[in-house]
Amino acid sequence: MAQLIWTEPALIDLDRIAEYIAIQNPHAAQSLIQNILDKTELLSKQPHSGKPIPEISETLYREWIIPPCRIFYKTDTKRLYILHIIRAEKEYNPHDLSQY
C-alpha cells in the first residue's frame, strides 16, 4: 500500500469544489468529499488502477475519475501524491502538473 499524500493545491481544489456544490446542496457536497476521500484511500492500495492522462504523454501521471471530478496523481514505489482535482467538464492545462 502506497502512503497517500495530498498536496496543498489538491486540498485547495477539493475545498473549492465542495464550496461551489454546497451553495446549492450542502449534503451533496459532503457526500462527494467523503466519496473522494474513500476512493483515494482505495487508490493508495492499487495505485495503477487509474489511467494515463490523455492530455500528457508523461507516464508518471495518472487520473482517477470520480464523477463529477478528475483526480490527478502520481505514484512511486512507496507514495501516491494527489496533485489536483478538477470538475470533469473543465479544460485542464497539463502544465499545471509540471511543478511536480
PDB file of N, CA and C in Angstrom:
ATOM      1  N   MET A   1       0.844  -1.189   0.000  1.00  0.00           N
ATOM      2  CA  MET A   1       0.000   0.000   0.000  1.00  0.00           C
ATOM      3  C   MET A   1       0.885   1.246   0.000  1.00  0.00           C
ATOM      4  N   ALA A   2       0.592   2.153  -0.913  1.00  0.00           N
ATOM      5  CA  ALA A   2       1.344   3.400  -1.004  1.00  0.00           C
ATOM      6  C   ALA A   2       0.836   4.392   0.047  1.00  0.00           C
ATOM      7  N   GLN A   3       1.759   5.175   0.578  1.00  0.00           N
ATOM      8  CA  GLN A   3       1.371   6.234   1.508  1.00  0.00           C
ATOM      9  C   GLN A   3       0.653   7.323   0.710  1.00  0.00           C
ATOM     10  N   LEU A   4      -0.521   7.709   1.146  1.00  0.00           N
ATOM     11  CA  LEU A   4      -1.328   8.713   0.456  1.00  0.00           C
ATOM     12  C   LEU A   4      -0.925  10.103   0.931  1.00  0.00           C
ATOM     13  N   ILE A   5      -0.521  10.955  -0.014  1.00  0.00           N
ATOM     14  CA  ILE A   5      -0.090  12.314   0.312  1.00  0.00           C
ATOM     15  C   ILE A   5      -0.903  13.302  -0.523  1.00  0.00           C
ATOM     16  N   TRP A   6      -1.614  14.181   0.161  1.00  0.00           N
ATOM     17  CA  TRP A   6      -2.387  15.227  -0.511  1.00  0.00           C
ATOM     18  C   TRP A   6      -1.523  16.479  -0.618  1.00  0.00           C
ATOM     19  N   THR A   7      -1.364  17.018  -1.822  1.00  0.00           N
ATOM     20  CA  THR A   7      -0.628  18.269  -1.981  1.00  0.00           C
ATOM     21  C   THR A   7      -1.542  19.435  -1.610  1.00  0.00           C
ATOM     22  N   GLU A   8      -0.944  20.555  -1.314  1.00  0.00           N
ATOM     23  CA  GLU A   8      -1.712  21.759  -0.974  1.00  0.00           C
ATOM     24  C   GLU A   8      -2.658  22.162  -2.111  1.00  0.00           C
ATOM     25  N   PRO A   9      -2.198  22.174  -3.378  1.00  0.00           N
ATOM     26  CA  PRO A   9      -3.133  22.522  -4.458  1.00  0.00           C
ATOM     27  C   PRO A   9      -4.338  21.581  -4.536  1.00  0.00           C
ATOM     28  N   ALA A  10      -4.138  20.301  -4.298  1.00  0.00           N
ATOM     29  CA  ALA A  10      -5.258  19.347  -4.341  1.00  0.00           C
ATOM     30  C   ALA A  10      -6.255  19.629  -3.224  1.00  0.00           C
ATOM     31  N   LEU A  11      -5.766  19.950  -2.051  1.00  0.00           N
ATOM     32  CA  LEU A  11      -6.664  20.274  -0.934  1.00  0.00           C
ATOM     33  C   LEU A  11      -7.456  21.548  -1.211  1.00  0.00           C
ATOM     34  N   ILE A  12      -6.798  22.524  -1.828  1.00  0.00           N
ATOM     35  CA  ILE A  12      -7.484  23.764  -2.202  1.00  0.00           C
ATOM     36  C   ILE A  12      -8.551  23.468  -3.251  1.00  0.00           C
ATOM     37  N   ASP A  13      -8.193  22.650  -4.251  1.00  0.00           N
ATOM     38  CA  ASP A  13      -9.167  22.260  -5.281  1.00  0.00           C
ATOM     39  C   ASP A  13     -10.387  21.603  -4.645  1.00  0.00           C
ATOM     40  N   LEU A  14     -10.143  20.667  -3.756  1.00  0.00           N
ATOM     41  CA  LEU A  14     -11.228  19.932  -3.107  1.00  0.00           C
ATOM     42  C   LEU A  14     -12.139  20.882  -2.324  1.00  0.00           C
ATOM     43  N   ASP A  15     -11.536  21.805  -1.614  1.00  0.00           N
ATOM     44  CA  ASP A  15     -12.298  22.778  -0.837  1.00  0.00           C
ATOM     45  C   ASP A  15     -13.155  23.663  -1.745  1.00  0.00           C
ATOM     46  N   ARG A  16     -12.587  24.115  -2.854  1.00  0.00           N
ATOM     47  CA  ARG A  16     -13.331  24.983  -3.777  1.00  0.00           C
ATOM     48  C   ARG A  16     -14.507  24.248  -4.417  1.00  0.00           C
ATOM     49  N   ILE A  17     -14.281  23.006  -4.806  1.00  0.00           N
ATOM     50  CA  ILE A  17     -15.358  22.211  -5.398  1.00  0.00           C
ATOM     51  C   ILE A  17     -16.479  22.014  -4.381  1.00  0.00           C
ATOM     52  N   ALA A  18     -16.103  21.691  -3.150  1.00  0.00           N
ATOM     53  CA  ALA A  18     -17.102  21.485  -2.095  1.00  0.00           C
ATOM     54  C   ALA A  18     -17.889  22.767  -1.831  1.00  0.00           C
ATOM     55  N   GLU A  19     -17.203  23.898  -1.766  1.00  0.00           N
ATOM     56  CA  GLU A  19     -17.883  25.172  -1.528  1.00  0.00           C
ATOM     57  C   GLU A  19     -18.869  25.487  -2.650  1.00  0.00           C
ATOM     58  N   TYR A  20     -18.462  25.229  -3.887  1.00  0.00           N
ATOM     59  CA  TYR A  20     -19.322  25.510  -5.034  1.00  0.00           C
ATOM     60  C   TYR A  20     -20.585  24.648  -4.990  1.00  0.00           C
ATOM     61  N   ILE A  21     -20.429  23.368  -4.755  1.00  0.00           N
ATOM     62  CA  ILE A  21     -21.577  22.457  -4.713  1.00  0.00           C
ATOM     63  C   ILE A  21     -22.470  22.767  -3.514  1.00  0.00           C
ATOM     64  N   ALA A  22     -21.856  23.136  -2.392  1.00  0.00           N
ATOM     65  CA  ALA A  22     -22.609  23.398  -1.161  1.00  0.00           C
ATOM     66  C   ALA A  22     -23.551  24.592  -1.283  1.00  0.00           C
ATOM     67  N   ILE A  23     -23.284  25.483  -2.219  1.00  0.00           N
ATOM     68  CA  ILE A  23     -24.184  26.625  -2.422  1.00  0.00           C
ATOM     69  C   ILE A  23     -25.588  26.124  -2.747  1.00  0.00           C
ATOM     70  N   GLN A  24     -25.673  25.113  -3.588  1.00  0.00           N
ATOM     71  CA  GLN A  24     -26.963  24.548  -3.993  1.00  0.00           C
ATOM     72  C   GLN A  24     -27.404  23.382  -3.116  1.00  0.00           C
ATOM     73  N   ASN A  25     -26.411  22.574  -2.668  1.00  0.00           N
ATOM     74  CA  ASN A  25     -26.768  21.336  -1.981  1.00  0.00           C
ATOM     75  C   ASN A  25     -25.648  20.913  -1.015  1.00  0.00           C
ATOM     76  N   PRO A  26     -25.693  21.381   0.222  1.00  0.00           N
ATOM     77  CA  PRO A  26     -24.644  21.044   1.188  1.00  0.00           C
ATOM     78  C   PRO A  26     -24.474  19.537   1.399  1.00  0.00           C
ATOM     79  N   HIS A  27     -25.574  18.808   1.385  1.00  0.00           N
ATOM     80  CA  HIS A  27     -25.481  17.357   1.575  1.00  0.00           C
ATOM     81  C   HIS A  27     -24.718  16.699   0.422  1.00  0.00           C
ATOM     82  N   ALA A  28     -24.985  17.128  -0.800  1.00  0.00           N
ATOM     83  CA  ALA A  28     -24.275  16.576  -1.963  1.00  0.00           C
ATOM     84  C   ALA A  28     -22.785  16.897  -1.889  1.00  0.00           C
ATOM     85  N   ALA A  29     -22.450  18.085  -1.425  1.00  0.00           N
ATOM     86  CA  ALA A  29     -21.040  18.464  -1.288  1.00  0.00           C
ATOM     87  C   ALA A  29     -20.340  17.562  -0.278  1.00  0.00           C
ATOM     88  N   GLN A  30     -20.972  17.355   0.852  1.00  0.00           N
ATOM     89  CA  GLN A  30     -20.395  16.499   1.887  1.00  0.00           C
ATOM     90  C   GLN A  30     -20.256  15.063   1.383  1.00  0.00           C
ATOM     91  N   SER A  31     -21.256  14.590   0.672  1.00  0.00           N
ATOM     92  CA  SER A  31     -21.230  13.233   0.133  1.00  0.00           C
ATOM     93  C   SER A  31     -20.111  13.060  -0.894  1.00  0.00           C
ATOM     94  N   LEU A  32     -19.937  14.047  -1.773  1.00  0.00           N
ATOM     95  CA  LEU A  32     -18.869  13.981  -2.771  1.00  0.00           C
ATOM     96  C   LEU A  32     -17.500  13.965  -2.107  1.00  0.00           C
ATOM     97  N   ILE A  33     -17.290  14.827  -1.130  1.00  0.00           N
ATOM     98  CA  ILE A  33     -15.998  14.880  -0.442  1.00  0.00           C
ATOM     99  C   ILE A  33     -15.704  13.542   0.223  1.00  0.00           C
ATOM    100  N   GLN A  34     -16.683  12.983   0.891  1.00  0.00           N
ATOM    101  CA  GLN A  34     -16.471  11.683   1.542  1.00  0.00           C
ATOM    102  C   GLN A  34     -16.163  10.602   0.507  1.00  0.00           C
ATOM    103  N   ASN A  35     -16.864  10.631  -0.610  1.00  0.00           N
ATOM    104  CA  ASN A  35     -16.624   9.664  -1.679  1.00  0.00           C
ATOM    105  C   ASN A  35     -15.200   9.791  -2.223  1.00  0.00           C
ATOM    106  N   ILE A  36     -14.749  11.018  -2.442  1.00  0.00           N
ATOM    107  CA  ILE A  36     -13.387  11.239  -2.935  1.00  0.00           C
ATOM    108  C   ILE A  36     -12.368  10.741  -1.918  1.00  0.00           C
ATOM    109  N   LEU A  37     -12.572  11.048  -0.649  1.00  0.00           N
ATOM    110  CA  LEU A  37     -11.636  10.588   0.385  1.00  0.00           C
ATOM    111  C   LEU A  37     -11.600   9.062   0.458  1.00  0.00           C
ATOM    112  N   ASP A  38     -12.759   8.433   0.394  1.00  0.00           N
ATOM    113  CA  ASP A  38     -12.818   6.966   0.428  1.00  0.00           C
ATOM    114  C   ASP A  38     -12.135   6.350  -0.788  1.00  0.00           C
ATOM    115  N   LYS A  39     -12.421   6.899  -1.978  1.00  0.00           N
ATOM    116  CA  LYS A  39     -11.865   6.326  -3.211  1.00  0.00           C
ATOM    117  C   LYS A  39     -10.358   6.544  -3.310  1.00  0.00           C
ATOM    118  N   THR A  40      -9.863   7.682  -2.830  1.00  0.00           N
ATOM    119  CA  THR A  40      -8.413   7.886  -2.882  1.00  0.00           C
ATOM    120  C   THR A  40      -7.704   6.951  -1.911  1.00  0.00           C
ATOM    121  N   GLU A  41      -8.354   6.617  -0.824  1.00  0.00           N
ATOM    122  CA  GLU A  41      -7.785   5.624   0.102  1.00  0.00           C
ATOM    123  C   GLU A  41      -7.675   4.272  -0.601  1.00  0.00           C
ATOM    124  N   LEU A  42      -8.703   3.895  -1.344  1.00  0.00           N
ATOM    125  CA  LEU A  42      -8.649   2.656  -2.137  1.00  0.00           C
ATOM    126  C   LEU A  42      -7.564   2.739  -3.201  1.00  0.00           C
ATOM    127  N   LEU A  43      -7.450   3.902  -3.810  1.00  0.00           N
ATOM    128  CA  LEU A  43      -6.444   4.104  -4.846  1.00  0.00           C
ATOM    129  C   LEU A  43      -5.035   3.884  -4.302  1.00  0.00           C
ATOM    130  N   SER A  44      -4.804   4.248  -3.056  1.00  0.00           N
ATOM    131  CA  SER A  44      -3.476   4.052  -2.462  1.00  0.00           C
ATOM    132  C   SER A  44      -3.127   2.571  -2.348  1.00  0.00           C
ATOM    133  N   LYS A  45      -4.135   1.716  -2.361  1.00  0.00           N
ATOM    134  CA  LYS A  45      -3.894   0.270  -2.303  1.00  0.00           C
ATOM    135  C   LYS A  45      -3.647  -0.323  -3.685  1.00  0.00           C
ATOM    136  N   GLN A  46      -4.151   0.342  -4.718  1.00  0.00           N
ATOM    137  CA  GLN A  46      -3.965  -0.103  -6.104  1.00  0.00           C
ATOM    138  C   GLN A  46      -3.657   1.118  -6.970  1.00  0.00           C
ATOM    139  N   PRO A  47      -2.462   1.680  -6.825  1.00  0.00           N
ATOM    140  CA  PRO A  47      -2.153   2.954  -7.472  1.00  0.00           C
ATOM    141  C   PRO A  47      -2.191   2.949  -8.999  1.00  0.00           C
ATOM    142  N   HIS A  48      -2.069   1.800  -9.610  1.00  0.00           N
ATOM    143  CA  HIS A  48      -2.077   1.770 -11.073  1.00  0.00           C
ATOM    144  C   HIS A  48      -3.464   1.510 -11.645  1.00  0.00           C
ATOM    145  N   SER A  49      -4.485   1.585 -10.801  1.00  0.00           N
ATOM    146  CA  SER A  49      -5.840   1.372 -11.295  1.00  0.00           C
ATOM    147  C   SER A  49      -6.377   2.596 -12.035  1.00  0.00           C
ATOM    148  N   GLY A  50      -5.758   3.749 -11.822  1.00  0.00           N
ATOM    149  CA  GLY A  50      -6.114   4.923 -12.609  1.00  0.00           C
ATOM    150  C   GLY A  50      -5.552   4.779 -14.008  1.00  0.00           C
ATOM    151  N   LYS A  51      -5.940   5.683 -14.888  1.00  0.00           N
ATOM    152  CA  LYS A  51      -5.459   5.593 -16.265  1.00  0.00           C
ATOM    153  C   LYS A  51      -4.527   6.755 -16.574  1.00  0.00           C
ATOM    154  N   PRO A  52      -3.685   6.593 -17.604  1.00  0.00           N
ATOM    155  CA  PRO A  52      -2.831   7.714 -18.014  1.00  0.00           C
ATOM    156  C   PRO A  52      -3.686   8.919 -18.402  1.00  0.00           C
ATOM    157  N   ILE A  53      -3.148  10.087 -18.202  1.00  0.00           N
ATOM    158  CA  ILE A  53      -3.860  11.325 -18.515  1.00  0.00           C
ATOM    159  C   ILE A  53      -3.741  11.585 -20.018  1.00  0.00           C
ATOM    160  N   PRO A  54      -4.862  11.675 -20.740  1.00  0.00           N
ATOM    161  CA  PRO A  54      -4.789  11.805 -22.193  1.00  0.00           C
ATOM    162  C   PRO A  54      -4.096  13.079 -22.680  1.00  0.00           C
ATOM    163  N   GLU A  55      -4.126  14.147 -21.889  1.00  0.00           N
ATOM    164  CA  GLU A  55      -3.537  15.420 -22.325  1.00  0.00           C
ATOM    165  C   GLU A  55      -2.015  15.443 -22.276  1.00  0.00           C
ATOM    166  N   ILE A  56      -1.402  14.474 -21.594  1.00  0.00           N
ATOM    167  CA  ILE A  56       0.060  14.472 -21.496  1.00  0.00           C
ATOM    168  C   ILE A  56       0.606  13.085 -21.792  1.00  0.00           C
ATOM    169  N   SER A  57       1.861  13.053 -22.203  1.00  0.00           N
ATOM    170  CA  SER A  57       2.473  11.769 -22.546  1.00  0.00           C
ATOM    171  C   SER A  57       3.300  11.192 -21.396  1.00  0.00           C
ATOM    172  N   GLU A  58       3.548  11.969 -20.376  1.00  0.00           N
ATOM    173  CA  GLU A  58       4.356  11.507 -19.238  1.00  0.00           C
ATOM    174  C   GLU A  58       3.603  10.421 -18.479  1.00  0.00           C
ATOM    175  N   THR A  59       4.212   9.258 -18.375  1.00  0.00           N
ATOM    176  CA  THR A  59       3.518   8.112 -17.779  1.00  0.00           C
ATOM    177  C   THR A  59       3.507   8.103 -16.253  1.00  0.00           C
ATOM    178  N   LEU A  60       4.257   8.979 -15.620  1.00  0.00           N
ATOM    179  CA  LEU A  60       4.227   9.034 -14.154  1.00  0.00           C
ATOM    180  C   LEU A  60       2.887   9.547 -13.634  1.00  0.00           C
ATOM    181  N   TYR A  61       2.212  10.324 -14.449  1.00  0.00           N
ATOM    182  CA  TYR A  61       0.970  10.963 -14.032  1.00  0.00           C
ATOM    183  C   TYR A  61      -0.235  10.147 -14.482  1.00  0.00           C
ATOM    184  N   ARG A  62      -1.207  10.044 -13.587  1.00  0.00           N
ATOM    185  CA  ARG A  62      -2.410   9.272 -13.887  1.00  0.00           C
ATOM    186  C   ARG A  62      -3.629  10.051 -13.389  1.00  0.00           C
ATOM    187  N   GLU A  63      -4.794   9.569 -13.780  1.00  0.00           N
ATOM    188  CA  GLU A  63      -6.026  10.194 -13.304  1.00  0.00           C
ATOM    189  C   GLU A  63      -7.011   9.122 -12.872  1.00  0.00           C
ATOM    190  N   TRP A  64      -7.866   9.523 -11.968  1.00  0.00           N
ATOM    191  CA  TRP A  64      -8.930   8.663 -11.458  1.00  0.00           C
ATOM    192  C   TRP A  64     -10.192   9.507 -11.549  1.00  0.00           C
ATOM    193  N   ILE A  65     -11.204   8.982 -12.205  1.00  0.00           N
ATOM    194  CA  ILE A  65     -12.455   9.725 -12.378  1.00  0.00           C
ATOM    195  C   ILE A  65     -13.433   9.341 -11.268  1.00  0.00           C
ATOM    196  N   ILE A  66     -13.872  10.343 -10.535  1.00  0.00           N
ATOM    197  CA  ILE A  66     -14.941  10.185  -9.548  1.00  0.00           C
ATOM    198  C   ILE A  66     -15.948  11.285  -9.887  1.00  0.00           C
ATOM    199  N   PRO A  67     -16.954  10.947 -10.698  1.00  0.00           N
ATOM    200  CA  PRO A  67     -17.871  11.978 -11.192  1.00  0.00           C
ATOM    201  C   PRO A  67     -18.403  12.857 -10.062  1.00  0.00           C
ATOM    202  N   PRO A  68     -18.381  14.149 -10.265  1.00  0.00           N
ATOM    203  CA  PRO A  68     -18.063  14.892 -11.475  1.00  0.00           C
ATOM    204  C   PRO A  68     -16.615  15.371 -11.534  1.00  0.00           C
ATOM    205  N   CYS A  69     -15.701  14.672 -10.918  1.00  0.00           N
ATOM    206  CA  CYS A  69     -14.323  15.154 -10.791  1.00  0.00           C
ATOM    207  C   CYS A  69     -13.294  14.247 -11.456  1.00  0.00           C
ATOM    208  N   ARG A  70     -12.180  14.871 -11.823  1.00  0.00           N
ATOM    209  CA  ARG A  70     -10.987  14.152 -12.269  1.00  0.00           C
ATOM    210  C   ARG A  70      -9.921  14.389 -11.202  1.00  0.00           C
ATOM    211  N   ILE A  71      -9.333  13.320 -10.727  1.00  0.00           N
ATOM    212  CA  ILE A  71      -8.280  13.415  -9.721  1.00  0.00           C
ATOM    213  C   ILE A  71      -6.965  13.079 -10.403  1.00  0.00           C
ATOM    214  N   PHE A  72      -6.020  14.009 -10.361  1.00  0.00           N
ATOM    215  CA  PHE A  72      -4.714  13.808 -10.974  1.00  0.00           C
ATOM    216  C   PHE A  72      -3.721  13.421  -9.889  1.00  0.00           C
ATOM    217  N   TYR A  73      -2.931  12.399 -10.171  1.00  0.00           N
ATOM    218  CA  TYR A  73      -1.976  11.932  -9.176  1.00  0.00           C
ATOM    219  C   TYR A  73      -0.742  11.349  -9.840  1.00  0.00           C
ATOM    220  N   LYS A  74       0.291  11.165  -9.033  1.00  0.00           N
ATOM    221  CA  LYS A  74       1.461  10.414  -9.481  1.00  0.00           C
ATOM    222  C   LYS A  74       1.861   9.496  -8.342  1.00  0.00           C
ATOM    223  N   THR A  75       2.564   8.453  -8.692  1.00  0.00           N
ATOM    224  CA  THR A  75       2.934   7.472  -7.685  1.00  0.00           C
ATOM    225  C   THR A  75       4.356   6.994  -7.918  1.00  0.00           C
ATOM    226  N   ASP A  76       4.999   6.610  -6.841  1.00  0.00           N
ATOM    227  CA  ASP A  76       6.272   5.905  -6.937  1.00  0.00           C
ATOM    228  C   ASP A  76       6.095   4.613  -6.146  1.00  0.00           C
ATOM    229  N   THR A  77       7.146   3.954  -5.815  1.00  0.00           N
ATOM    230  CA  THR A  77       7.006   2.654  -5.158  1.00  0.00           C
ATOM    231  C   THR A  77       6.417   2.745  -3.755  1.00  0.00           C
ATOM    232  N   LYS A  78       6.518   3.902  -3.109  1.00  0.00           N
ATOM    233  CA  LYS A  78       6.061   3.998  -1.720  1.00  0.00           C
ATOM    234  C   LYS A  78       4.991   5.046  -1.459  1.00  0.00           C
ATOM    235  N   ARG A  79       4.806   5.979  -2.399  1.00  0.00           N
ATOM    236  CA  ARG A  79       3.896   7.093  -2.144  1.00  0.00           C
ATOM    237  C   ARG A  79       2.964   7.333  -3.331  1.00  0.00           C
ATOM    238  N   LEU A  80       1.776   7.837  -3.009  1.00  0.00           N
ATOM    239  CA  LEU A  80       0.828   8.279  -4.028  1.00  0.00           C
ATOM    240  C   LEU A  80       0.484   9.729  -3.704  1.00  0.00           C
ATOM    241  N   TYR A  81       0.801  10.624  -4.625  1.00  0.00           N
ATOM    242  CA  TYR A  81       0.583  12.052  -4.429  1.00  0.00           C
ATOM    243  C   TYR A  81      -0.673  12.493  -5.172  1.00  0.00           C
ATOM    244  N   ILE A  82      -1.649  13.010  -4.448  1.00  0.00           N
ATOM    245  CA  ILE A  82      -2.822  13.614  -5.075  1.00  0.00           C
ATOM    246  C   ILE A  82      -2.402  15.038  -5.433  1.00  0.00           C
ATOM    247  N   LEU A  83      -2.397  15.349  -6.739  1.00  0.00           N
ATOM    248  CA  LEU A  83      -1.835  16.612  -7.210  1.00  0.00           C
ATOM    249  C   LEU A  83      -2.880  17.699  -7.428  1.00  0.00           C
ATOM    250  N   HIS A  84      -3.956  17.347  -8.115  1.00  0.00           N
ATOM    251  CA  HIS A  84      -5.020  18.311  -8.417  1.00  0.00           C
ATOM    252  C   HIS A  84      -6.342  17.579  -8.560  1.00  0.00           C
ATOM    253  N   ILE A  85      -7.414  18.307  -8.349  1.00  0.00           N
ATOM    254  CA  ILE A  85      -8.765  17.794  -8.586  1.00  0.00           C
ATOM    255  C   ILE A  85      -9.514  18.882  -9.345  1.00  0.00           C
ATOM    256  N   ILE A  86     -10.140  18.492 -10.456  1.00  0.00           N
ATOM    257  CA  ILE A  86     -10.936  19.460 -11.210  1.00  0.00           C
ATOM    258  C   ILE A  86     -12.294  18.856 -11.542  1.00  0.00           C
ATOM    259  N   ARG A  87     -13.244  19.703 -11.840  1.00  0.00           N
ATOM    260  CA  ARG A  87     -14.526  19.223 -12.355  1.00  0.00           C
ATOM    261  C   ARG A  87     -14.257  18.658 -13.743  1.00  0.00           C
ATOM    262  N   ALA A  88     -14.857  17.540 -14.058  1.00  0.00           N
ATOM    263  CA  ALA A  88     -14.575  16.817 -15.302  1.00  0.00           C
ATOM    264  C   ALA A  88     -14.871  17.641 -16.551  1.00  0.00           C
ATOM    265  N   GLU A  89     -15.827  18.546 -16.487  1.00  0.00           N
ATOM    266  CA  GLU A  89     -16.179  19.312 -17.681  1.00  0.00           C
ATOM    267  C   GLU A  89     -15.203  20.451 -17.972  1.00  0.00           C
ATOM    268  N   LYS A  90     -14.308  20.745 -17.049  1.00  0.00           N
ATOM    269  CA  LYS A  90     -13.358  21.839 -17.247  1.00  0.00           C
ATOM    270  C   LYS A  90     -12.163  21.383 -18.078  1.00  0.00           C
ATOM    271  N   GLU A  91     -11.624  22.329 -18.835  1.00  0.00           N
ATOM    272  CA  GLU A  91     -10.386  22.072 -19.566  1.00  0.00           C
ATOM    273  C   GLU A  91      -9.245  22.018 -18.550  1.00  0.00           C
ATOM    274  N   TYR A  92      -8.287  21.149 -18.826  1.00  0.00           N
ATOM    275  CA  TYR A  92      -7.158  21.030 -17.909  1.00  0.00           C
ATOM    276  C   TYR A  92      -5.884  21.410 -18.624  1.00  0.00           C
ATOM    277  N   ASN A  93      -5.075  22.217 -17.986  1.00  0.00           N
ATOM    278  CA  ASN A  93      -3.783  22.611 -18.535  1.00  0.00           C
ATOM    279  C   ASN A  93      -2.725  21.658 -17.999  1.00  0.00           C
ATOM    280  N   PRO A  94      -2.152  20.792 -18.847  1.00  0.00           N
ATOM    281  CA  PRO A  94      -1.158  19.815 -18.384  1.00  0.00           C
ATOM    282  C   PRO A  94       0.069  20.450 -17.734  1.00  0.00           C
ATOM    283  N   HIS A  95       0.325  21.715 -18.041  1.00  0.00           N
ATOM    284  CA  HIS A  95       1.474  22.387 -17.431  1.00  0.00           C
ATOM    285  C   HIS A  95       1.296  22.571 -15.925  1.00  0.00           C
ATOM    286  N   ASP A  96       0.054  22.449 -15.450  1.00  0.00           N
ATOM    287  CA  ASP A  96      -0.191  22.551 -14.011  1.00  0.00           C
ATOM    288  C   ASP A  96       0.490  21.426 -13.239  1.00  0.00           C
ATOM    289  N   LEU A  97       0.795  20.323 -13.917  1.00  0.00           N
ATOM    290  CA  LEU A  97       1.474  19.206 -13.259  1.00  0.00           C
ATOM    291  C   LEU A  97       2.989  19.334 -13.322  1.00  0.00           C
ATOM    292  N   SER A  98       3.493  20.265 -14.121  1.00  0.00           N
ATOM    293  CA  SER A  98       4.937  20.350 -14.343  1.00  0.00           C
ATOM    294  C   SER A  98       5.724  20.680 -13.078  1.00  0.00           C
ATOM    295  N   GLN A  99       5.075  21.263 -12.078  1.00  0.00           N
ATOM    296  CA  GLN A  99       5.783  21.589 -10.835  1.00  0.00           C
ATOM    297  C   GLN A  99       6.046  20.362  -9.969  1.00  0.00           C
ATOM    298  N   TYR A 100       5.451  19.227 -10.346  1.00  0.00           N
ATOM    299  CA  TYR A 100       5.619  18.012  -9.568  1.00  0.00           C
ATOM    300  C   TYR A 100       6.552  17.084 -10.289  1.00  0.00           C
TER     301      TYR A 100
END
